[in-house]
Amino acid sequence: MPVELRPSQALKLLHDFNHELVRDDDRDLSARQITILLTVYLEPPPHTVRGLAAKLKVTKPVITRALDTMGRMEILQRRRDPADRRNVVVQRTVKGALYVERLGDLVVAKAKELPL
């Protein structure tokens, strides 16, 4: 069932979600990093650096920099594709799955706080 929000409610939800993220002890992720993370976790694999760059219409170095950060956080990892060693496959991690679940819970919680 689609959720109907007024633009002011949608912006409040976005604000409150981001506000909670920056107050958290975890390292902040940029909008680009969150988009990459959610793409990997919400869309079926396989995911490659090349494929993510094409999908998001950015360069491979942009994806690589974002993956460097998320790799240090252990929420995504990279491996060479054994079938084609030129490709780098982006993989999910347990820590990343828990992080994404927490993001989803946070959106739900903040949406429930929206004024009618």
Protein backbone atom coordinates (compact mmCIF):
# COMPACT_ATOMS: atom_id res chain seq x y z
CA MET A 1 0.00 0.00 0.00
CA PRO A 2 1.54 3.35 -1.00
CA VAL A 3 2.19 5.91 1.69
CA GLU A 4 0.95 9.41 0.97
CA LEU A 5 3.04 12.27 2.36
CA ARG A 6 2.80 15.97 1.81
CA PRO A 7 6.09 17.51 0.65
CA SER A 8 6.57 19.12 4.07
CA GLN A 9 6.12 15.73 5.75
CA ALA A 10 8.57 14.08 3.36
CA LEU A 11 11.17 16.77 4.05
CA LYS A 12 10.59 16.47 7.80
CA LEU A 13 11.09 12.71 7.57
CA LEU A 14 14.30 13.18 5.58
CA HIS A 15 15.52 15.80 8.04
CA ASP A 16 14.71 13.76 11.14
CA PHE A 17 16.28 10.62 9.66
CA ASN A 18 19.49 12.44 8.76
CA HIS A 19 19.54 14.31 12.06
CA GLU A 20 19.45 11.00 13.92
CA LEU A 21 22.25 9.60 11.74
CA VAL A 22 24.61 12.49 12.45
CA ARG A 23 23.88 12.35 16.19
CA ASP A 24 24.77 8.66 16.26
CA ASP A 25 28.19 7.41 17.31
CA ASP A 26 28.65 5.62 13.99
CA ARG A 27 30.54 7.29 11.18
CA ASP A 28 28.33 9.44 8.96
CA LEU A 29 27.61 8.19 5.47
CA SER A 30 27.06 10.58 2.59
CA ALA A 31 23.92 10.44 0.47
CA ARG A 32 26.00 8.74 -2.24
CA GLN A 33 27.31 6.13 0.21
CA ILE A 34 23.82 5.41 1.55
CA THR A 35 22.55 5.03 -2.03
CA ILE A 36 25.32 2.56 -2.85
CA LEU A 37 24.71 0.67 0.39
CA LEU A 38 20.97 0.41 -0.18
CA THR A 39 21.45 -0.59 -3.82
CA VAL A 40 23.65 -3.50 -2.75
CA TYR A 41 21.30 -4.60 0.03
CA LEU A 42 17.92 -4.02 -1.64
CA GLU A 43 18.61 -5.12 -5.20
CA PRO A 44 19.55 -8.67 -6.17
CA PRO A 45 23.26 -9.44 -6.61
CA PRO A 46 25.72 -9.61 -8.18
CA HIS A 47 26.96 -6.05 -7.78
CA THR A 48 30.19 -4.88 -9.33
CA VAL A 49 32.06 -1.61 -9.11
CA ARG A 50 31.51 -1.16 -12.84
CA GLY A 51 27.80 -1.98 -12.56
CA LEU A 52 27.22 0.35 -9.62
CA ALA A 53 29.03 3.17 -11.42
CA ALA A 54 26.86 2.68 -14.51
CA LYS A 55 23.63 2.43 -12.50
CA LEU A 56 24.35 5.57 -10.45
CA LYS A 57 25.86 7.40 -13.45
CA VAL A 58 29.14 8.15 -11.68
CA THR A 59 32.72 7.10 -12.32
CA LYS A 60 34.32 3.94 -10.97
CA PRO A 61 36.68 5.99 -8.72
CA VAL A 62 33.61 7.57 -7.07
CA ILE A 63 32.30 4.08 -6.24
CA THR A 64 35.75 2.94 -5.12
CA ARG A 65 36.12 5.85 -2.68
CA ALA A 66 32.69 5.15 -1.21
CA LEU A 67 33.49 1.45 -0.91
CA ASP A 68 36.80 2.26 0.80
CA THR A 69 34.87 4.02 3.58
CA MET A 70 32.22 1.34 3.85
CA GLY A 71 34.87 -1.37 3.77
CA ARG A 72 36.60 0.20 6.77
CA MET A 73 33.22 0.20 8.51
CA GLU A 74 32.83 -3.48 7.51
CA ILE A 75 29.36 -2.90 6.06
CA LEU A 76 30.39 -3.90 2.52
CA GLN A 77 33.33 -5.83 1.16
CA ARG A 78 34.96 -6.25 -2.23
CA ARG A 79 36.26 -9.40 -3.85
CA ARG A 80 37.67 -10.14 -7.28
CA ASP A 81 35.21 -12.02 -9.45
CA PRO A 82 36.70 -15.51 -9.85
CA ALA A 83 34.97 -15.88 -13.23
CA ASP A 84 36.39 -12.60 -14.57
CA ARG A 85 39.33 -11.26 -12.57
CA ARG A 86 38.84 -7.80 -14.13
CA ASN A 87 35.59 -7.33 -12.20
CA VAL A 88 35.35 -6.42 -8.53
CA VAL A 89 32.27 -7.85 -6.85
CA VAL A 90 30.70 -5.91 -3.99
CA GLN A 91 29.36 -8.17 -1.25
CA ARG A 92 27.12 -7.77 1.75
CA THR A 93 28.34 -8.40 5.29
CA VAL A 94 26.54 -9.37 8.49
CA LYS A 95 27.50 -6.03 10.03
CA GLY A 96 26.15 -4.27 6.95
CA ALA A 97 22.87 -6.18 7.04
CA LEU A 98 22.40 -5.12 10.66
CA TYR A 99 23.26 -1.51 9.74
CA VAL A 100 20.69 -1.49 6.91
CA GLU A 101 18.08 -3.04 9.20
CA ARG A 102 18.75 -0.27 11.72
CA LEU A 103 18.32 2.34 8.95
CA GLY A 104 14.96 0.82 8.05
CA ASP A 105 13.86 0.80 11.69
CA LEU A 106 14.93 4.43 12.00
CA VAL A 107 12.88 5.50 8.97
CA VAL A 108 9.82 3.69 10.36
CA ALA A 109 10.27 5.28 13.79
CA LYS A 110 10.69 8.77 12.34
CA ALA A 111 7.70 8.30 10.01
CA LYS A 112 5.52 7.41 13.02
CA GLU A 113 6.53 10.72 14.63
CA LEU A 114 5.35 12.81 11.66
CA PRO A 115 2.56 15.24 12.44
CA LEU A 116 -0.70 14.52 10.64
